[in-house]
Amino acid sequence: MRLWPFGKTEKRDVQFSPALALMMASRSAIAAAGINVNQESALRFMAVYACVRVIAEDIASLPLNVYRRLEPRGKEKAPMHPLYEVLHDQPNPEQTSFQFRETMMSHLLLWGNAFAEIQMGGNGRVQALWPLTPSRVNIRRNRATQELQYLVTPPGGVERWFTNKQIFHIPGLSLNGVTGLSPIGVAREAIGLGLASQEFAARFFSNGARPSMVLEHPGKLSQEAHERMRIDFEGLHTGLDNAQRVAILEEGMKANGLFINPSDAQFVEQRKLSIEEIARFYRVQPFKIGEHGRSTFNNIEHLGIDHVVSTIRPWLVRWEQALRRLMPEEERGEFFTEFVVDGLLRGDTEKRWGAYKIGIETGVLSPNDVRELENMPLREGGDDYAATNSGPSPAVSANGNRPALVGGRA
């Protein structure tokens, strides 16, 4: 691994710092609601945690394969390609493919950037990918070579410079084309408001936030009598076992219950709005994070498909195009990586098998194609495709000659 020293041209190099991008998104880590908002505190807001978890787990759970392009068209899996095992099974000795992609997606959704150190083997191939915490990575462009260089500061370690070929980088939405903007920095105010509402709700319902009952005595009680009366009343009338018990009061004492007035209850509506705002920010359907206000039995399937198309697919494109850099240049025209999203796009059983029936009858699918999609064993003779019309087969004419097809191909 190469160590990059500081040279005379260091001050003239252009800096691209994810930390700087975070500061550009918002000048202060303190939101207007008075809450300190950063990547760690933002996860305490359940809406943020839920959105990050949904997207990260969905992408991590998808099969990621290496394919080889076929001529004149089509593709096939390339399990013998050196990159296949790294991406599909185990990117490094300490993580599975699911764990690696889940970690990288979490970094993308919180910092707006995902970095991994590329460990090369003796054969010049990618041997392992090691995730790097984005807050510990800074980027510069060397004016002399115009190449990006990465300064990584490991915990308790020594700063090291890496070349562009030694770092795997996926940027999110970017203003400079190099580093992605931090979603937490951009949405700091909305997250701060959500955290404030969440904290207010916790304090409101805690034991010391507001008494549920006030005992009013016409006279003046000593401190000892006051404490004894409180203990006696709580012992008789608090807890599930004492629910609905009749309270007997003496000496003209009154029991006054305290209730939530409409103005105090507005925080419930505010919390709902905060959840919807975060779901909108991450472009996650609210039902995916447990908010079913607008989902019904009739539209839940279409909302699920929209989640794949509108939320998941753009991230998959970022991944697939970034992974292309891990291939040797001479192989990029023949091999490529791709996520398999068929499982997420499946409809219910009736609609799915109805679509299969149409595909088989029109010759688009064979029975074995369907069985493979349904993870069923293939059967002999199941690779035959149905004719695309109900008339006699045009394969051979009456005189035994093969007729010319449209386009001049027989």
Protein backbone atom coordinates (compact mmCIF):
# COMPACT_ATOMS: atom_id res chain seq x y z
CA MET A 1 0.00 0.00 0.00
CA ARG A 2 1.51 3.32 -1.06
CA LEU A 3 2.04 6.18 1.36
CA TRP A 4 1.64 9.62 -0.21
CA PRO A 5 3.94 12.29 1.29
CA PHE A 6 3.07 15.94 1.42
CA GLY A 7 4.88 17.85 -1.33
CA LYS A 8 5.32 21.46 -2.39
CA THR A 9 2.20 21.29 -4.53
CA GLU A 10 0.04 20.23 -1.57
CA LYS A 11 -1.46 23.69 -0.98
CA ARG A 12 -2.49 23.99 -4.63
CA ASP A 13 -4.35 20.67 -4.69
CA VAL A 14 -8.13 20.81 -4.75
CA GLN A 15 -9.76 19.40 -1.63
CA PHE A 16 -13.01 17.38 -1.73
CA SER A 17 -13.89 16.60 1.87
CA PRO A 18 -17.09 14.77 2.86
CA ALA A 19 -16.85 16.61 6.17
CA LEU A 20 -16.72 19.90 4.24
CA ALA A 21 -19.73 18.83 2.18
CA LEU A 22 -21.57 18.20 5.44
CA MET A 23 -20.76 21.71 6.65
CA MET A 24 -21.89 23.19 3.33
CA ALA A 25 -25.26 21.49 3.71
CA SER A 26 -25.77 23.15 7.10
CA ARG A 27 -23.52 25.56 8.95
CA SER A 28 -24.23 24.21 12.41
CA ALA A 29 -24.78 20.76 13.85
CA ILE A 30 -27.47 22.30 16.10
CA ALA A 31 -30.89 22.35 14.46
CA ALA A 32 -33.34 25.20 15.06
CA ALA A 33 -35.21 22.90 17.46
CA GLY A 34 -32.14 22.96 19.74
CA ILE A 35 -31.16 19.34 19.02
CA ASN A 36 -27.63 18.28 18.10
CA VAL A 37 -28.04 16.40 14.81
CA ASN A 38 -25.32 14.17 13.38
CA GLN A 39 -25.16 10.68 11.87
CA GLU A 40 -25.32 8.98 15.27
CA SER A 41 -28.03 11.12 16.86
CA ALA A 42 -30.16 11.03 13.69
CA LEU A 43 -30.50 7.26 14.04
CA ARG A 44 -32.26 7.82 17.37
CA PHE A 45 -35.15 9.25 15.38
CA MET A 46 -37.05 6.08 14.53
CA ALA A 47 -38.16 7.36 11.11
CA VAL A 48 -34.54 7.86 10.01
CA TYR A 49 -33.47 4.50 11.42
CA ALA A 50 -36.39 2.76 9.72
CA CYS A 51 -35.72 4.36 6.30
CA VAL A 52 -31.99 3.58 6.45
CA ARG A 53 -32.69 0.02 7.53
CA VAL A 54 -35.34 -0.60 4.84
CA ILE A 55 -33.20 0.62 1.95
CA ALA A 56 -29.94 -0.92 3.23
CA GLU A 57 -31.49 -4.33 3.92
CA ASP A 58 -33.43 -4.42 0.64
CA ILE A 59 -30.29 -3.76 -1.41
CA ALA A 60 -28.12 -6.05 0.72
CA SER A 61 -30.60 -8.92 0.30
CA LEU A 62 -30.65 -8.79 -3.51
CA PRO A 63 -28.46 -11.31 -5.37
CA LEU A 64 -25.46 -9.55 -6.94
CA ASN A 65 -23.99 -11.48 -9.87
CA VAL A 66 -21.26 -11.13 -12.45
CA TYR A 67 -22.49 -11.80 -16.01
CA ARG A 68 -20.87 -12.37 -19.39
CA ARG A 69 -22.45 -10.84 -22.48
CA LEU A 70 -23.43 -13.28 -25.22
CA GLU A 71 -23.46 -12.73 -28.97
CA PRO A 72 -25.56 -11.49 -30.62
CA ARG A 73 -27.49 -10.78 -27.42
CA GLY A 74 -28.24 -12.14 -23.98
CA LYS A 75 -26.16 -12.89 -20.91
CA GLU A 76 -25.10 -15.72 -18.66
CA LYS A 77 -23.75 -15.92 -15.12
CA ALA A 78 -19.97 -15.97 -14.84
CA PRO A 79 -19.33 -17.74 -11.49
CA MET A 80 -15.73 -18.47 -12.50
CA HIS A 81 -14.89 -14.78 -12.78
CA PRO A 82 -12.51 -13.72 -9.95
CA LEU A 83 -14.84 -10.89 -8.92
CA TYR A 84 -17.91 -13.15 -8.60
CA GLU A 85 -17.03 -14.60 -5.20
CA VAL A 86 -15.97 -11.21 -3.81
CA LEU A 87 -19.30 -9.58 -4.68
CA HIS A 88 -21.71 -12.50 -4.42
CA ASP A 89 -20.34 -14.34 -1.39
CA GLN A 90 -17.68 -12.68 0.75
CA PRO A 91 -16.04 -9.28 0.07
CA ASN A 92 -13.57 -9.76 2.91
CA PRO A 93 -12.75 -12.41 5.52
CA GLU A 94 -14.83 -10.66 8.19
CA GLN A 95 -18.05 -9.88 6.32
CA THR A 96 -20.60 -11.59 4.14
CA SER A 97 -21.84 -9.93 0.99
CA PHE A 98 -25.04 -8.94 2.82
CA GLN A 99 -23.14 -7.34 5.72
CA PHE A 100 -20.77 -5.48 3.41
CA ARG A 101 -23.51 -3.99 1.24
CA GLU A 102 -25.67 -3.19 4.28
CA THR A 103 -22.77 -1.27 5.83
CA MET A 104 -21.94 0.55 2.61
CA MET A 105 -25.58 1.53 2.02
CA SER A 106 -25.89 2.79 5.60
CA HIS A 107 -22.87 5.02 4.98
CA LEU A 108 -24.44 6.29 1.75
CA LEU A 109 -27.75 7.07 3.41
CA LEU A 110 -26.16 8.84 6.38
CA TRP A 111 -22.98 10.45 5.00
CA GLY A 112 -23.81 10.53 1.29
CA ASN A 113 -20.60 8.59 0.48
CA ALA A 114 -19.47 4.99 0.77
CA PHE A 115 -15.77 4.06 0.70
CA ALA A 116 -13.97 0.74 0.71
CA GLU A 117 -10.27 -0.07 0.49
CA ILE A 118 -9.46 -2.34 -2.44
CA GLN A 119 -7.11 -5.16 -1.50
CA MET A 120 -5.41 -6.59 -4.57
CA GLY A 121 -4.12 -10.15 -4.84
CA GLY A 122 -0.84 -11.30 -6.32
CA ASN A 123 -2.56 -11.90 -9.66
CA GLY A 124 -3.55 -8.23 -9.94
CA ARG A 125 -7.21 -9.00 -9.21
CA VAL A 126 -9.47 -7.62 -6.49
CA GLN A 127 -9.08 -9.93 -3.52
CA ALA A 128 -11.11 -8.10 -0.85
CA LEU A 129 -13.08 -4.91 -0.15
CA TRP A 130 -12.84 -3.30 3.31
CA PRO A 131 -15.41 -0.60 4.28
CA LEU A 132 -14.08 2.75 5.51
CA THR A 133 -15.98 5.16 7.73
CA PRO A 134 -16.73 8.21 5.53
CA SER A 135 -15.96 10.71 8.31
CA ARG A 136 -12.37 9.44 8.27
CA VAL A 137 -11.84 9.93 4.53
CA ASN A 138 -10.83 13.14 2.76
CA ILE A 139 -10.35 13.54 -0.98
CA ARG A 140 -8.13 15.79 -3.05
CA ARG A 141 -7.41 16.15 -6.75
CA ASN A 142 -3.73 16.48 -7.55
CA ARG A 143 -3.33 19.40 -9.95
CA ALA A 144 -0.26 17.85 -11.53
CA THR A 145 -1.78 14.47 -12.37
CA GLN A 146 -5.52 15.39 -12.17
CA GLU A 147 -6.06 12.16 -10.23
CA LEU A 148 -8.14 11.83 -7.08
CA GLN A 149 -6.27 10.84 -3.95
CA TYR A 150 -7.78 9.72 -0.62
CA LEU A 151 -6.46 10.54 2.84
CA VAL A 152 -7.69 7.90 5.32
CA THR A 153 -7.32 8.35 9.07
CA PRO A 154 -8.01 5.04 10.86
CA PRO A 155 -8.93 5.12 14.58
CA GLY A 156 -5.70 5.48 16.53
CA GLY A 157 -3.70 4.89 13.35
CA VAL A 158 -1.46 6.81 10.99
CA GLU A 159 -2.86 8.88 8.12
CA ARG A 160 -2.32 7.24 4.75
CA TRP A 161 -2.82 8.39 1.18
CA PHE A 162 -4.45 6.05 -1.34
CA THR A 163 -4.67 6.37 -5.09
CA ASN A 164 -7.93 6.36 -6.99
CA LYS A 165 -7.30 2.73 -7.94
CA GLN A 166 -6.99 1.69 -4.30
CA ILE A 167 -10.36 3.05 -3.14
CA PHE A 168 -13.85 1.92 -4.15
CA HIS A 169 -16.10 4.98 -3.86
CA ILE A 170 -19.85 5.36 -4.36
CA PRO A 171 -21.00 9.00 -4.06
CA GLY A 172 -24.60 10.02 -3.51
CA LEU A 173 -26.23 13.20 -4.78
CA SER A 174 -23.35 15.56 -5.44
CA LEU A 175 -22.81 19.24 -6.24
CA ASN A 176 -19.18 18.88 -7.32
CA GLY A 177 -19.34 15.48 -9.01
CA VAL A 178 -16.85 13.96 -6.57
CA THR A 179 -18.30 13.83 -3.05
CA GLY A 180 -21.93 13.27 -2.20
CA LEU A 181 -23.93 15.58 0.04
CA SER A 182 -24.72 14.28 3.50
CA PRO A 183 -28.46 13.51 3.72
CA ILE A 184 -28.29 14.16 7.47
CA GLY A 185 -26.79 17.59 6.84
CA VAL A 186 -29.41 18.47 4.24
CA ALA A 187 -32.34 17.26 6.36
CA ARG A 188 -30.94 18.48 9.66
CA GLU A 189 -33.90 20.73 10.54
CA ALA A 190 -36.53 18.09 9.77
CA ILE A 191 -34.60 15.49 11.76
CA GLY A 192 -34.07 17.92 14.64
CA LEU A 193 -37.78 18.65 14.78
CA GLY A 194 -38.55 14.93 14.76
CA LEU A 195 -36.05 14.28 17.56
CA ALA A 196 -37.50 17.16 19.58
CA SER A 197 -41.02 15.80 19.16
CA GLN A 198 -39.86 12.33 20.10
CA GLU A 199 -38.10 13.62 23.21
CA PHE A 200 -41.13 15.70 24.19
CA ALA A 201 -43.37 12.65 23.87
CA ALA A 202 -41.03 10.60 26.05
CA ARG A 203 -40.92 13.30 28.72
CA PHE A 204 -44.66 13.86 28.51
CA PHE A 205 -45.48 10.25 29.25
CA SER A 206 -42.75 9.65 31.80
CA ASN A 207 -43.73 9.37 35.45
CA GLY A 208 -42.43 12.79 36.34
CA ALA A 209 -43.72 14.72 33.34
CA ARG A 210 -47.26 15.41 34.56
CA PRO A 211 -49.33 14.08 37.48
CA SER A 212 -52.45 12.14 36.52
CA MET A 213 -54.37 13.13 39.69
CA VAL A 214 -54.43 16.04 42.13
CA LEU A 215 -55.81 15.57 45.67
CA GLU A 216 -57.30 18.78 47.08
CA HIS A 217 -57.71 19.17 50.88
CA PRO A 218 -59.63 22.10 52.39
CA GLY A 219 -57.16 22.50 55.22
CA LYS A 220 -53.41 22.71 55.59
CA LEU A 221 -51.51 19.44 55.97
CA SER A 222 -48.21 18.86 57.68
CA GLN A 223 -45.35 17.47 55.65
CA GLU A 224 -45.75 14.10 57.38
CA ALA A 225 -49.52 13.95 56.71
CA HIS A 226 -49.00 15.09 53.11
CA GLU A 227 -46.50 12.33 52.39
CA ARG A 228 -48.58 9.66 54.18
CA MET A 229 -51.73 10.58 52.22
CA ARG A 230 -49.88 10.43 48.89
CA ILE A 231 -48.38 7.02 49.64
CA ASP A 232 -51.69 5.61 50.85
CA PHE A 233 -53.62 6.85 47.82
CA GLU A 234 -51.02 5.61 45.30
CA GLY A 235 -50.89 2.23 47.05
CA LEU A 236 -54.65 1.78 46.77
CA HIS A 237 -55.31 3.18 43.32
CA THR A 238 -52.25 2.71 41.05
CA GLY A 239 -51.35 -0.36 39.02
CA LEU A 240 -53.42 -2.76 36.93
CA ASP A 241 -54.59 -4.76 39.96
CA ASN A 242 -56.16 -1.64 41.47
CA ALA A 243 -57.82 -0.34 38.31
CA GLN A 244 -61.49 0.73 38.68
CA ARG A 245 -61.36 0.56 42.51
CA VAL A 246 -63.65 3.01 44.30
CA ALA A 247 -61.85 5.89 45.99
CA ILE A 248 -63.17 6.92 49.44
CA LEU A 249 -62.11 10.43 50.45
CA GLU A 250 -62.51 12.01 53.90
CA GLU A 251 -62.46 15.44 55.51
CA GLY A 252 -63.84 17.21 52.46
CA MET A 253 -60.93 16.11 50.22
CA LYS A 254 -61.44 16.17 46.42
CA ALA A 255 -59.71 14.20 43.66
CA ASN A 256 -59.18 16.17 40.43
CA GLY A 257 -58.01 14.31 37.33
CA LEU A 258 -55.70 15.98 34.81
CA PHE A 259 -56.27 15.39 31.12
CA ILE A 260 -54.50 16.29 27.90
CA ASN A 261 -56.08 19.32 26.29
CA PRO A 262 -56.17 19.64 22.46
CA SER A 263 -53.28 22.09 22.33
CA ASP A 264 -51.04 19.72 24.33
CA ALA A 265 -52.02 16.81 22.08
CA GLN A 266 -50.87 18.54 18.87
CA PHE A 267 -47.45 16.96 19.23
CA VAL A 268 -49.07 13.65 18.15
CA GLU A 269 -49.94 15.16 14.78
CA GLN A 270 -46.53 16.81 14.59
CA ARG A 271 -44.81 13.47 15.12
CA LYS A 272 -46.82 11.97 12.27
CA LEU A 273 -45.85 14.84 9.98
CA SER A 274 -42.18 14.43 10.93
CA ILE A 275 -42.30 10.74 10.03
CA GLU A 276 -43.90 11.52 6.66
CA GLU A 277 -41.29 14.22 6.01
CA ILE A 278 -38.38 11.82 6.57
CA ALA A 279 -40.07 9.13 4.45
CA ARG A 280 -40.49 11.72 1.67
CA PHE A 281 -36.86 12.78 2.01
CA TYR A 282 -35.57 9.23 1.60
CA ARG A 283 -38.29 8.51 -1.00
CA VAL A 284 -39.57 5.57 1.03
CA GLN A 285 -43.23 4.58 0.92
CA PRO A 286 -44.61 5.28 4.44
CA PHE A 287 -46.04 1.77 4.73
CA LYS A 288 -42.47 0.40 4.52
CA ILE A 289 -41.69 2.04 7.88
CA GLY A 290 -44.98 1.14 9.56
CA GLU A 291 -47.11 4.17 8.59
CA HIS A 292 -50.19 2.69 6.88
CA GLY A 293 -52.34 5.81 6.73
CA ARG A 294 -52.53 5.86 2.91
CA SER A 295 -52.02 2.20 2.09
CA THR A 296 -54.89 -0.18 1.46
CA PHE A 297 -55.30 -3.83 0.61
CA ASN A 298 -55.90 -2.86 -3.02
CA ASN A 299 -52.85 -0.62 -3.57
CA ILE A 300 -50.23 -2.22 -1.31
CA GLU A 301 -48.83 -4.32 -4.17
CA HIS A 302 -48.44 -1.31 -6.47
CA LEU A 303 -46.83 0.69 -3.66
CA GLY A 304 -44.34 -2.14 -3.20
CA ILE A 305 -43.46 -2.11 -6.91
CA ASP A 306 -43.10 1.68 -6.80
CA HIS A 307 -40.68 1.23 -3.88
CA VAL A 308 -38.47 -0.94 -6.09
CA VAL A 309 -38.69 1.30 -9.16
CA SER A 310 -38.47 4.73 -7.51
CA THR A 311 -36.47 4.08 -4.33
CA ILE A 312 -34.26 1.02 -4.83
CA ARG A 313 -33.47 1.17 -8.55
CA PRO A 314 -31.50 4.49 -8.56
CA TRP A 315 -29.24 3.14 -5.82
CA LEU A 316 -28.71 -0.08 -7.76
CA VAL A 317 -27.63 1.91 -10.81
CA ARG A 318 -25.09 3.79 -8.69
CA TRP A 319 -23.74 0.48 -7.38
CA GLU A 320 -23.56 -1.24 -10.77
CA GLN A 321 -21.80 1.64 -12.48
CA ALA A 322 -19.33 2.06 -9.61
CA LEU A 323 -18.58 -1.69 -9.55
CA ARG A 324 -17.52 -1.46 -13.19
CA ARG A 325 -14.28 0.16 -11.99
CA LEU A 326 -13.33 -3.07 -10.22
CA MET A 327 -13.09 -4.84 -13.59
CA PRO A 328 -9.92 -4.69 -15.70
CA GLU A 329 -10.47 -2.32 -18.62
CA GLU A 330 -10.05 -5.10 -21.18
CA GLU A 331 -12.93 -7.06 -19.59
CA ARG A 332 -15.51 -4.30 -19.22
CA GLY A 333 -16.98 -4.89 -22.66
CA GLU A 334 -17.54 -8.60 -21.99
CA PHE A 335 -18.36 -8.81 -18.26
CA PHE A 336 -20.63 -6.72 -16.06
CA THR A 337 -22.32 -6.82 -12.62
CA GLU A 338 -26.06 -6.67 -12.04
CA PHE A 339 -28.51 -6.98 -9.17
CA VAL A 340 -31.44 -9.40 -9.51
CA VAL A 341 -34.67 -7.62 -8.53
CA ASP A 342 -37.19 -10.12 -9.88
CA GLY A 343 -38.14 -11.31 -6.41
CA LEU A 344 -39.09 -7.80 -5.28
CA LEU A 345 -41.24 -7.21 -8.36
CA ARG A 346 -43.36 -10.34 -8.01
CA GLY A 347 -47.09 -9.87 -7.64
CA ASP A 348 -49.44 -12.13 -5.71
CA THR A 349 -49.73 -15.81 -6.66
CA GLU A 350 -52.78 -15.48 -8.90
CA LYS A 351 -51.44 -12.55 -10.92
CA ARG A 352 -47.96 -14.06 -11.16
CA TRP A 353 -49.16 -17.38 -12.54
CA GLY A 354 -51.55 -15.59 -14.87
CA ALA A 355 -48.58 -13.70 -16.32
CA TYR A 356 -46.61 -16.95 -16.63
CA LYS A 357 -49.51 -18.52 -18.55
CA ILE A 358 -49.53 -15.65 -21.03
CA GLY A 359 -45.75 -15.86 -21.39
CA ILE A 360 -45.85 -19.60 -22.16
CA GLU A 361 -48.76 -19.31 -24.60
CA THR A 362 -47.08 -16.50 -26.55
CA GLY A 363 -43.74 -18.27 -26.69
CA VAL A 364 -41.94 -15.70 -24.56
CA LEU A 365 -41.36 -18.18 -21.72
CA SER A 366 -40.78 -21.90 -21.60
CA PRO A 367 -42.06 -24.10 -18.75
CA ASN A 368 -38.50 -24.39 -17.46
CA ASP A 369 -38.14 -20.59 -17.50
CA VAL A 370 -41.12 -20.39 -15.19
CA ARG A 371 -39.87 -23.20 -12.96
CA GLU A 372 -36.50 -21.49 -12.65
CA LEU A 373 -38.17 -18.18 -11.68
CA GLU A 374 -40.13 -20.05 -9.00
CA ASN A 375 -37.01 -21.89 -7.71
CA MET A 376 -38.38 -25.24 -8.86
CA PRO A 377 -36.28 -28.06 -10.38
CA LEU A 378 -36.21 -28.14 -14.18
CA ARG A 379 -37.92 -30.99 -15.99
CA GLU A 380 -37.04 -32.83 -19.16
CA GLY A 381 -38.65 -31.31 -22.24
CA GLY A 382 -39.46 -28.09 -20.43
CA ASP A 383 -37.26 -25.92 -22.62
CA ASP A 384 -39.61 -25.98 -25.62
CA TYR A 385 -41.27 -22.70 -26.53
CA ALA A 386 -44.84 -22.57 -27.83
CA ALA A 387 -45.57 -21.36 -31.36
CA THR A 388 -46.47 -17.69 -31.53
CA ASN A 389 -49.51 -18.28 -33.76
CA SER A 390 -52.24 -20.87 -34.08
CA GLY A 391 -51.76 -21.58 -37.81
CA PRO A 392 -49.56 -24.26 -39.41
CA SER A 393 -45.88 -24.00 -38.71
CA PRO A 394 -44.10 -21.87 -41.35
CA ALA A 395 -40.88 -23.76 -40.85
CA VAL A 396 -41.21 -25.74 -44.11
CA SER A 397 -43.37 -24.91 -47.17
CA ALA A 398 -45.39 -27.38 -49.21
CA ASN A 399 -42.51 -27.92 -51.63
CA GLY A 400 -40.09 -28.57 -48.82
CA ASN A 401 -38.28 -25.23 -49.02
CA ARG A 402 -37.86 -22.93 -45.97
CA PRO A 403 -39.77 -19.66 -46.67
CA ALA A 404 -38.10 -16.28 -46.33
CA LEU A 405 -39.01 -14.40 -43.13
CA VAL A 406 -39.51 -10.69 -42.59
CA GLY A 407 -36.25 -8.86 -42.91
CA GLY A 408 -34.81 -11.31 -45.42
CA ARG A 409 -33.65 -13.87 -42.77
CA ALA A 410 -34.71 -17.52 -43.09
